[in-house]
């Protein structure tokens, strides 16, 4: 199984870049992993919130293959503990999922069509975080889940 992190928006800001790279490198010891940044639509500021989400959604859906297991990060999604995330990832592997895609939407969230396509909607927290910081939190939590699965010391109960 390969883990993909997809995020709508620009490159990682310097304040998160090294952390995202560090945790991504750590994850690669357990699973092949890669980041894909979905570029903002040209003239994004000229679109309404709804139109921009729709255009981002069209791009996301065109990038997905039918066999990708899509996890949409959404504030209305289900919350998971760190051990719960580890179990979730292990189940996907046991089900022989080829690609596990974690998707971070744009500034206005994800289009309804993308949420409908998602196999799972996950909420990191009821709090709202800066978009860039979500990337770092996501990478760290997936790394933590990997160490839980291997019963390594990183996660303290």
N, C-alpha and C. Protein backbone atom coordinates (compact mmCIF):
# COMPACT_ATOMS: atom_id res chain seq x y z
N UNK A 1 0.86 -1.18 0.00
CA UNK A 1 0.00 0.00 0.00
C UNK A 1 0.90 1.24 0.00
N UNK A 2 0.49 2.22 -0.78
CA UNK A 2 1.21 3.49 -0.83
C UNK A 2 0.34 4.56 -0.19
N UNK A 3 0.96 5.42 0.60
CA UNK A 3 0.25 6.52 1.23
C UNK A 3 0.51 7.79 0.43
N UNK A 4 -0.58 8.46 0.10
CA UNK A 4 -0.51 9.73 -0.63
C UNK A 4 -1.10 10.83 0.26
N UNK A 5 -0.42 11.95 0.31
CA UNK A 5 -0.96 13.14 0.94
C UNK A 5 -1.23 14.14 -0.17
N UNK A 6 -2.48 14.53 -0.33
CA UNK A 6 -2.85 15.52 -1.32
C UNK A 6 -3.34 16.76 -0.59
N UNK A 7 -2.93 17.91 -1.08
CA UNK A 7 -3.36 19.16 -0.47
C UNK A 7 -3.57 20.21 -1.57
N UNK A 8 -4.70 20.87 -1.49
CA UNK A 8 -4.97 21.97 -2.41
C UNK A 8 -4.19 23.18 -1.91
N UNK A 9 -3.45 23.81 -2.80
CA UNK A 9 -2.75 25.03 -2.40
C UNK A 9 -1.32 25.07 -2.86
N UNK A 10 -0.62 26.04 -2.34
CA UNK A 10 0.75 26.30 -2.73
C UNK A 10 1.72 25.38 -2.00
N UNK A 11 2.99 25.50 -2.34
CA UNK A 11 4.04 24.71 -1.70
C UNK A 11 4.03 24.92 -0.19
N UNK A 12 4.65 23.98 0.51
CA UNK A 12 4.73 24.08 1.97
C UNK A 12 5.43 25.39 2.35
N UNK A 13 4.84 26.12 3.30
CA UNK A 13 5.48 27.32 3.82
C UNK A 13 6.73 26.92 4.61
N UNK A 14 7.73 27.80 4.66
CA UNK A 14 8.98 27.45 5.35
C UNK A 14 8.78 26.98 6.80
N UNK A 15 7.78 27.54 7.49
CA UNK A 15 7.62 27.18 8.90
C UNK A 15 7.11 25.76 9.09
N UNK A 16 6.61 25.10 8.05
CA UNK A 16 6.18 23.71 8.16
C UNK A 16 6.99 22.77 7.27
N UNK A 17 7.71 23.32 6.33
CA UNK A 17 8.39 22.50 5.32
C UNK A 17 9.31 21.45 5.94
N UNK A 18 10.19 21.86 6.84
CA UNK A 18 11.14 20.89 7.39
C UNK A 18 10.43 19.82 8.22
N UNK A 19 9.40 20.19 8.95
CA UNK A 19 8.66 19.20 9.73
C UNK A 19 7.92 18.22 8.85
N UNK A 20 7.27 18.71 7.80
CA UNK A 20 6.56 17.84 6.86
C UNK A 20 7.56 16.89 6.20
N UNK A 21 8.70 17.41 5.77
CA UNK A 21 9.72 16.57 5.14
C UNK A 21 10.25 15.52 6.10
N UNK A 22 10.46 15.91 7.36
CA UNK A 22 10.98 14.98 8.36
C UNK A 22 10.00 13.83 8.59
N UNK A 23 8.72 14.15 8.85
CA UNK A 23 7.75 13.09 9.11
C UNK A 23 7.47 12.25 7.86
N UNK A 24 7.50 12.87 6.70
CA UNK A 24 7.31 12.11 5.46
C UNK A 24 8.45 11.11 5.28
N UNK A 25 9.66 11.54 5.56
CA UNK A 25 10.82 10.65 5.48
C UNK A 25 10.69 9.50 6.48
N UNK A 26 10.21 9.80 7.66
CA UNK A 26 10.03 8.75 8.68
C UNK A 26 8.97 7.74 8.24
N UNK A 27 7.87 8.24 7.67
CA UNK A 27 6.80 7.34 7.20
C UNK A 27 7.32 6.40 6.13
N UNK A 28 8.26 6.89 5.31
CA UNK A 28 8.77 6.09 4.19
C UNK A 28 9.49 4.82 4.65
N UNK A 29 9.82 4.73 5.92
CA UNK A 29 10.41 3.50 6.45
C UNK A 29 9.36 2.40 6.61
N UNK A 30 8.09 2.80 6.59
CA UNK A 30 6.98 1.86 6.78
C UNK A 30 6.17 1.64 5.50
N UNK A 31 5.95 2.72 4.77
CA UNK A 31 5.14 2.69 3.56
C UNK A 31 5.76 3.62 2.52
N UNK A 32 5.62 3.28 1.24
CA UNK A 32 5.96 4.30 0.23
C UNK A 32 5.00 5.48 0.45
N UNK A 33 5.50 6.68 0.33
CA UNK A 33 4.69 7.86 0.63
C UNK A 33 5.06 9.00 -0.31
N UNK A 34 4.07 9.81 -0.66
CA UNK A 34 4.37 10.99 -1.48
C UNK A 34 3.33 12.07 -1.25
N UNK A 35 3.79 13.30 -1.44
CA UNK A 35 2.92 14.48 -1.38
C UNK A 35 2.58 14.92 -2.80
N UNK A 36 1.33 15.31 -3.01
CA UNK A 36 0.90 15.93 -4.26
C UNK A 36 0.17 17.21 -3.90
N UNK A 37 0.68 18.32 -4.38
CA UNK A 37 0.03 19.60 -4.14
C UNK A 37 -0.82 19.93 -5.36
N UNK A 38 -2.09 20.10 -5.11
CA UNK A 38 -3.04 20.41 -6.18
C UNK A 38 -3.05 21.93 -6.32
N UNK A 39 -2.61 22.44 -7.45
CA UNK A 39 -2.46 23.89 -7.59
C UNK A 39 -3.80 24.62 -7.50
N UNK A 40 -3.71 25.82 -6.95
CA UNK A 40 -4.89 26.69 -6.92
C UNK A 40 -5.29 27.02 -8.36
N UNK A 41 -6.56 27.16 -8.57
CA UNK A 41 -7.06 27.51 -9.89
C UNK A 41 -6.59 28.91 -10.27
N UNK A 42 -6.24 29.08 -11.53
CA UNK A 42 -5.86 30.43 -11.99
C UNK A 42 -7.04 31.36 -11.77
N UNK A 43 -6.75 32.57 -11.36
CA UNK A 43 -7.78 33.58 -11.08
C UNK A 43 -8.75 33.12 -10.01
N UNK A 44 -8.25 32.39 -9.01
CA UNK A 44 -9.11 31.85 -7.95
C UNK A 44 -9.92 32.95 -7.26
N UNK A 45 -9.33 34.12 -7.13
CA UNK A 45 -10.01 35.22 -6.47
C UNK A 45 -11.23 35.74 -7.22
N UNK A 46 -11.37 35.36 -8.47
CA UNK A 46 -12.49 35.85 -9.28
C UNK A 46 -13.72 34.95 -9.16
N UNK A 47 -13.57 33.79 -8.51
CA UNK A 47 -14.67 32.84 -8.41
C UNK A 47 -15.38 32.97 -7.07
N UNK A 48 -16.64 32.61 -7.05
CA UNK A 48 -17.35 32.53 -5.78
C UNK A 48 -16.79 31.33 -5.01
N UNK A 49 -17.06 31.29 -3.72
CA UNK A 49 -16.61 30.17 -2.89
C UNK A 49 -17.11 28.84 -3.47
N UNK A 50 -18.38 28.79 -3.84
CA UNK A 50 -18.97 27.57 -4.37
C UNK A 50 -18.32 27.16 -5.69
N UNK A 51 -18.11 28.12 -6.58
CA UNK A 51 -17.50 27.80 -7.88
C UNK A 51 -16.05 27.33 -7.72
N UNK A 52 -15.33 27.96 -6.80
CA UNK A 52 -13.94 27.57 -6.57
C UNK A 52 -13.88 26.15 -6.02
N UNK A 53 -14.74 25.83 -5.06
CA UNK A 53 -14.77 24.47 -4.52
C UNK A 53 -15.12 23.47 -5.61
N UNK A 54 -16.04 23.82 -6.47
CA UNK A 54 -16.44 22.93 -7.56
C UNK A 54 -15.27 22.68 -8.50
N UNK A 55 -14.55 23.75 -8.87
CA UNK A 55 -13.41 23.61 -9.77
C UNK A 55 -12.29 22.78 -9.12
N UNK A 56 -12.02 23.04 -7.85
CA UNK A 56 -11.03 22.23 -7.14
C UNK A 56 -11.48 20.76 -7.10
N UNK A 57 -12.77 20.56 -6.84
CA UNK A 57 -13.32 19.21 -6.79
C UNK A 57 -13.17 18.47 -8.11
N UNK A 58 -13.40 19.18 -9.22
CA UNK A 58 -13.25 18.56 -10.54
C UNK A 58 -11.80 18.09 -10.75
N UNK A 59 -10.86 18.92 -10.33
CA UNK A 59 -9.45 18.56 -10.45
C UNK A 59 -9.14 17.34 -9.59
N UNK A 60 -9.59 17.36 -8.35
CA UNK A 60 -9.34 16.24 -7.44
C UNK A 60 -9.92 14.94 -8.00
N UNK A 61 -11.16 14.99 -8.44
CA UNK A 61 -11.81 13.79 -8.96
C UNK A 61 -11.10 13.26 -10.21
N UNK A 62 -10.55 14.17 -11.01
CA UNK A 62 -9.84 13.73 -12.22
C UNK A 62 -8.51 13.06 -11.88
N UNK A 63 -7.94 13.39 -10.73
CA UNK A 63 -6.67 12.81 -10.30
C UNK A 63 -6.86 11.43 -9.68
N UNK A 64 -8.03 11.15 -9.16
CA UNK A 64 -8.28 9.89 -8.47
C UNK A 64 -8.50 8.74 -9.43
N UNK A 65 -8.03 7.58 -9.05
CA UNK A 65 -8.41 6.38 -9.79
C UNK A 65 -9.52 5.69 -9.01
N UNK A 66 -10.25 4.83 -9.66
CA UNK A 66 -11.42 4.23 -9.01
C UNK A 66 -11.04 3.37 -7.82
N UNK A 67 -9.83 2.85 -7.78
CA UNK A 67 -9.40 1.98 -6.69
C UNK A 67 -8.76 2.73 -5.52
N UNK A 68 -8.53 4.04 -5.67
CA UNK A 68 -7.93 4.80 -4.57
C UNK A 68 -8.89 4.85 -3.39
N UNK A 69 -8.35 4.62 -2.20
CA UNK A 69 -9.14 4.75 -0.98
C UNK A 69 -8.94 6.19 -0.52
N UNK A 70 -10.00 6.99 -0.61
CA UNK A 70 -9.91 8.42 -0.33
C UNK A 70 -10.38 8.75 1.08
N UNK A 71 -9.48 9.39 1.83
CA UNK A 71 -9.79 9.91 3.16
C UNK A 71 -9.83 11.42 3.04
N UNK A 72 -11.04 11.99 3.15
CA UNK A 72 -11.20 13.44 3.05
C UNK A 72 -11.13 14.03 4.45
N UNK A 73 -10.20 14.95 4.65
CA UNK A 73 -10.14 15.64 5.93
C UNK A 73 -11.21 16.72 5.92
N UNK A 74 -12.12 16.61 6.87
CA UNK A 74 -13.26 17.52 6.91
C UNK A 74 -13.68 17.70 8.36
N UNK A 75 -13.97 18.94 8.73
CA UNK A 75 -14.31 19.23 10.13
C UNK A 75 -15.55 18.49 10.61
N UNK A 76 -16.39 18.04 9.68
CA UNK A 76 -17.61 17.31 10.08
C UNK A 76 -17.40 15.80 10.06
N UNK A 77 -16.16 15.37 9.78
CA UNK A 77 -15.87 13.95 9.70
C UNK A 77 -15.79 13.30 11.07
N UNK A 78 -15.48 12.04 11.05
CA UNK A 78 -15.36 11.25 12.28
C UNK A 78 -13.98 11.49 12.89
N UNK A 79 -13.94 11.59 14.20
CA UNK A 79 -12.65 11.75 14.87
C UNK A 79 -12.07 10.37 15.18
N UNK A 80 -10.75 10.30 15.20
CA UNK A 80 -10.04 9.07 15.52
C UNK A 80 -8.96 9.38 16.55
N UNK A 81 -8.75 8.46 17.47
CA UNK A 81 -7.59 8.56 18.36
C UNK A 81 -6.36 8.14 17.55
N UNK A 82 -5.18 8.35 18.10
CA UNK A 82 -3.97 7.90 17.40
C UNK A 82 -3.97 6.38 17.23
N UNK A 83 -4.30 5.60 18.27
CA UNK A 83 -4.40 4.15 18.05
C UNK A 83 -5.51 3.80 17.05
N UNK A 84 -6.59 4.57 17.05
CA UNK A 84 -7.67 4.35 16.08
C UNK A 84 -7.20 4.58 14.65
N UNK A 85 -6.37 5.60 14.45
CA UNK A 85 -5.81 5.86 13.12
C UNK A 85 -4.89 4.71 12.71
N UNK A 86 -4.10 4.22 13.64
CA UNK A 86 -3.22 3.08 13.35
C UNK A 86 -4.05 1.88 12.89
N UNK A 87 -5.11 1.60 13.60
CA UNK A 87 -5.99 0.48 13.24
C UNK A 87 -6.63 0.71 11.87
N UNK A 88 -7.03 1.95 11.62
CA UNK A 88 -7.63 2.32 10.33
C UNK A 88 -6.65 2.03 9.18
N UNK A 89 -5.40 2.46 9.34
CA UNK A 89 -4.39 2.26 8.31
C UNK A 89 -4.12 0.76 8.13
N UNK A 90 -4.02 0.05 9.23
CA UNK A 90 -3.77 -1.39 9.14
C UNK A 90 -4.91 -2.10 8.40
N UNK A 91 -6.15 -1.70 8.67
CA UNK A 91 -7.30 -2.30 7.98
C UNK A 91 -7.22 -2.06 6.47
N UNK A 92 -6.83 -0.87 6.05
CA UNK A 92 -6.71 -0.59 4.63
C UNK A 92 -5.65 -1.50 4.01
N UNK A 93 -4.55 -1.70 4.71
CA UNK A 93 -3.52 -2.60 4.21
C UNK A 93 -4.03 -4.03 4.13
N UNK A 94 -4.76 -4.46 5.15
CA UNK A 94 -5.32 -5.82 5.17
C UNK A 94 -6.33 -6.03 4.05
N UNK A 95 -6.99 -4.95 3.65
CA UNK A 95 -7.96 -5.00 2.55
C UNK A 95 -7.28 -4.89 1.19
N UNK A 96 -5.96 -4.82 1.21
CA UNK A 96 -5.14 -4.70 -0.01
C UNK A 96 -5.42 -3.41 -0.79
N UNK A 97 -5.69 -2.34 -0.06
CA UNK A 97 -5.83 -1.05 -0.73
C UNK A 97 -4.48 -0.72 -1.37
N UNK A 98 -4.52 -0.33 -2.63
CA UNK A 98 -3.28 -0.02 -3.34
C UNK A 98 -2.78 1.38 -2.96
N UNK A 99 -3.70 2.33 -2.94
CA UNK A 99 -3.36 3.72 -2.62
C UNK A 99 -4.31 4.24 -1.55
N UNK A 100 -3.73 4.74 -0.47
CA UNK A 100 -4.48 5.39 0.59
C UNK A 100 -4.20 6.88 0.47
N UNK A 101 -5.23 7.63 0.05
CA UNK A 101 -5.07 9.06 -0.24
C UNK A 101 -5.70 9.88 0.87
N UNK A 102 -4.89 10.68 1.57
CA UNK A 102 -5.37 11.62 2.56
C UNK A 102 -5.46 12.98 1.86
N UNK A 103 -6.64 13.57 1.86
CA UNK A 103 -6.88 14.80 1.10
C UNK A 103 -7.20 15.97 2.01
N UNK A 104 -6.44 17.04 1.86
CA UNK A 104 -6.69 18.31 2.55
C UNK A 104 -7.25 19.26 1.50
N UNK A 105 -8.44 19.77 1.73
CA UNK A 105 -9.09 20.65 0.77
C UNK A 105 -8.51 22.05 0.75
N UNK A 106 -9.14 22.88 -0.05
CA UNK A 106 -8.72 24.28 -0.17
C UNK A 106 -9.24 25.13 0.97
N UNK A 107 -9.10 26.43 0.82
CA UNK A 107 -9.47 27.38 1.87
C UNK A 107 -10.93 27.28 2.29
N UNK A 108 -11.78 26.86 1.38
CA UNK A 108 -13.22 26.80 1.68
C UNK A 108 -13.69 25.36 1.90
N UNK A 109 -12.75 24.43 2.00
CA UNK A 109 -13.12 23.04 2.22
C UNK A 109 -13.25 22.28 0.92
N UNK A 110 -13.95 21.16 1.00
CA UNK A 110 -14.07 20.26 -0.15
C UNK A 110 -15.46 20.33 -0.75
N UNK A 111 -15.51 20.19 -2.05
CA UNK A 111 -16.77 20.16 -2.78
C UNK A 111 -17.57 18.92 -2.38
N UNK A 112 -18.87 19.04 -2.41
CA UNK A 112 -19.76 17.94 -2.03
C UNK A 112 -19.51 16.68 -2.88
N UNK A 113 -19.18 16.84 -4.14
CA UNK A 113 -18.91 15.69 -5.00
C UNK A 113 -17.69 14.91 -4.50
N UNK A 114 -16.69 15.61 -3.99
CA UNK A 114 -15.50 14.96 -3.45
C UNK A 114 -15.85 14.24 -2.15
N UNK A 115 -16.64 14.90 -1.32
CA UNK A 115 -17.04 14.28 -0.05
C UNK A 115 -17.87 13.02 -0.30
N UNK A 116 -18.69 13.04 -1.34
CA UNK A 116 -19.48 11.85 -1.69
C UNK A 116 -18.58 10.73 -2.19
N UNK A 117 -17.53 11.08 -2.91
CA UNK A 117 -16.59 10.07 -3.44
C UNK A 117 -15.71 9.49 -2.33
N UNK A 118 -15.50 10.25 -1.27
CA UNK A 118 -14.60 9.82 -0.20
C UNK A 118 -15.09 8.51 0.43
N UNK A 119 -14.15 7.64 0.71
CA UNK A 119 -14.46 6.40 1.41
C UNK A 119 -14.61 6.65 2.91
N UNK A 120 -13.96 7.71 3.39
CA UNK A 120 -14.01 8.05 4.81
C UNK A 120 -13.78 9.54 4.96
N UNK A 121 -14.53 10.17 5.86
CA UNK A 121 -14.32 11.58 6.19
C UNK A 121 -13.77 11.64 7.61
N UNK A 122 -12.62 12.29 7.73
CA UNK A 122 -11.90 12.32 9.00
C UNK A 122 -11.74 13.75 9.48
N UNK A 123 -12.07 13.98 10.74
CA UNK A 123 -11.84 15.27 11.37
C UNK A 123 -10.65 15.16 12.30
N UNK A 124 -9.63 15.97 12.07
CA UNK A 124 -8.48 15.99 12.96
C UNK A 124 -8.85 16.54 14.33
N UNK A 125 -9.79 17.49 14.33
CA UNK A 125 -10.14 18.17 15.57
C UNK A 125 -11.36 19.06 15.30
N UNK A 126 -12.11 19.39 16.35
CA UNK A 126 -13.18 20.37 16.16
C UNK A 126 -12.62 21.80 16.02
N UNK A 127 -11.34 21.96 16.31
CA UNK A 127 -10.69 23.26 16.14
C UNK A 127 -10.39 23.49 14.67
N UNK A 128 -10.24 24.75 14.30
CA UNK A 128 -9.83 25.10 12.94
C UNK A 128 -8.34 25.45 12.99
N UNK A 129 -7.56 24.81 12.11
CA UNK A 129 -6.12 25.05 12.05
C UNK A 129 -5.77 25.74 10.75
N UNK A 130 -4.65 26.47 10.73
CA UNK A 130 -4.17 27.00 9.46
C UNK A 130 -3.92 25.85 8.50
N UNK A 131 -4.23 26.07 7.25
CA UNK A 131 -4.14 25.05 6.22
C UNK A 131 -2.77 24.37 6.20
N UNK A 132 -1.72 25.16 6.27
CA UNK A 132 -0.37 24.62 6.22
C UNK A 132 -0.07 23.75 7.44
N UNK A 133 -0.57 24.17 8.59
CA UNK A 133 -0.33 23.42 9.82
C UNK A 133 -1.01 22.05 9.78
N UNK A 134 -2.14 21.96 9.10
CA UNK A 134 -2.83 20.67 8.95
C UNK A 134 -1.90 19.67 8.26
N UNK A 135 -1.12 20.12 7.31
CA UNK A 135 -0.18 19.23 6.62
C UNK A 135 0.80 18.61 7.61
N UNK A 136 1.33 19.43 8.49
CA UNK A 136 2.29 18.95 9.48
C UNK A 136 1.62 18.00 10.46
N UNK A 137 0.45 18.36 10.95
CA UNK A 137 -0.28 17.51 11.89
C UNK A 137 -0.61 16.17 11.24
N UNK A 138 -1.07 16.19 10.01
CA UNK A 138 -1.41 14.96 9.30
C UNK A 138 -0.19 14.05 9.16
N UNK A 139 0.92 14.61 8.71
CA UNK A 139 2.13 13.80 8.54
C UNK A 139 2.59 13.22 9.88
N UNK A 140 2.55 14.02 10.93
CA UNK A 140 2.98 13.53 12.24
C UNK A 140 2.05 12.43 12.73
N UNK A 141 0.76 12.58 12.57
CA UNK A 141 -0.19 11.57 13.06
C UNK A 141 -0.07 10.26 12.28
N UNK A 142 0.17 10.34 10.99
CA UNK A 142 0.35 9.11 10.22
C UNK A 142 1.65 8.42 10.65
N UNK A 143 2.70 9.21 10.89
CA UNK A 143 3.94 8.62 11.40
C UNK A 143 3.69 7.96 12.76
N UNK A 144 2.99 8.64 13.64
CA UNK A 144 2.67 8.10 14.97
C UNK A 144 1.92 6.77 14.81
N UNK A 145 0.95 6.74 13.89
CA UNK A 145 0.18 5.51 13.66
C UNK A 145 1.11 4.37 13.22
N UNK A 146 2.07 4.69 12.37
CA UNK A 146 3.02 3.67 11.91
C UNK A 146 3.81 3.11 13.09
N UNK A 147 4.25 3.97 14.00
CA UNK A 147 5.03 3.49 15.14
C UNK A 147 4.16 2.68 16.10
N UNK A 148 2.89 3.02 16.21
CA UNK A 148 1.97 2.24 17.03
C UNK A 148 1.84 0.84 16.46
N UNK A 149 1.69 0.76 15.13
CA UNK A 149 1.54 -0.55 14.49
C UNK A 149 2.76 -1.44 14.70
N UNK A 150 3.92 -0.83 14.81
CA UNK A 150 5.16 -1.59 15.01
C UNK A 150 5.56 -1.67 16.49
N UNK A 151 4.68 -1.17 17.36
CA UNK A 151 4.91 -1.19 18.81
C UNK A 151 6.24 -0.52 19.17
N UNK A 152 6.51 0.62 18.54
CA UNK A 152 7.74 1.36 18.80
C UNK A 152 7.48 2.45 19.85
N UNK A 153 8.54 3.03 20.35
CA UNK A 153 8.48 3.90 21.52
C UNK A 153 7.90 5.30 21.28
N UNK A 154 7.77 5.74 20.06
CA UNK A 154 7.37 7.13 19.79
C UNK A 154 6.05 7.51 20.48
N UNK A 155 5.07 6.65 20.43
CA UNK A 155 3.75 6.94 21.01
C UNK A 155 3.74 6.51 22.48
N UNK A 156 3.45 7.46 23.35
CA UNK A 156 3.35 7.16 24.77
C UNK A 156 1.89 7.07 25.16
N UNK A 157 1.51 6.01 25.80
CA UNK A 157 0.12 5.79 26.19
C UNK A 157 -0.23 6.58 27.43
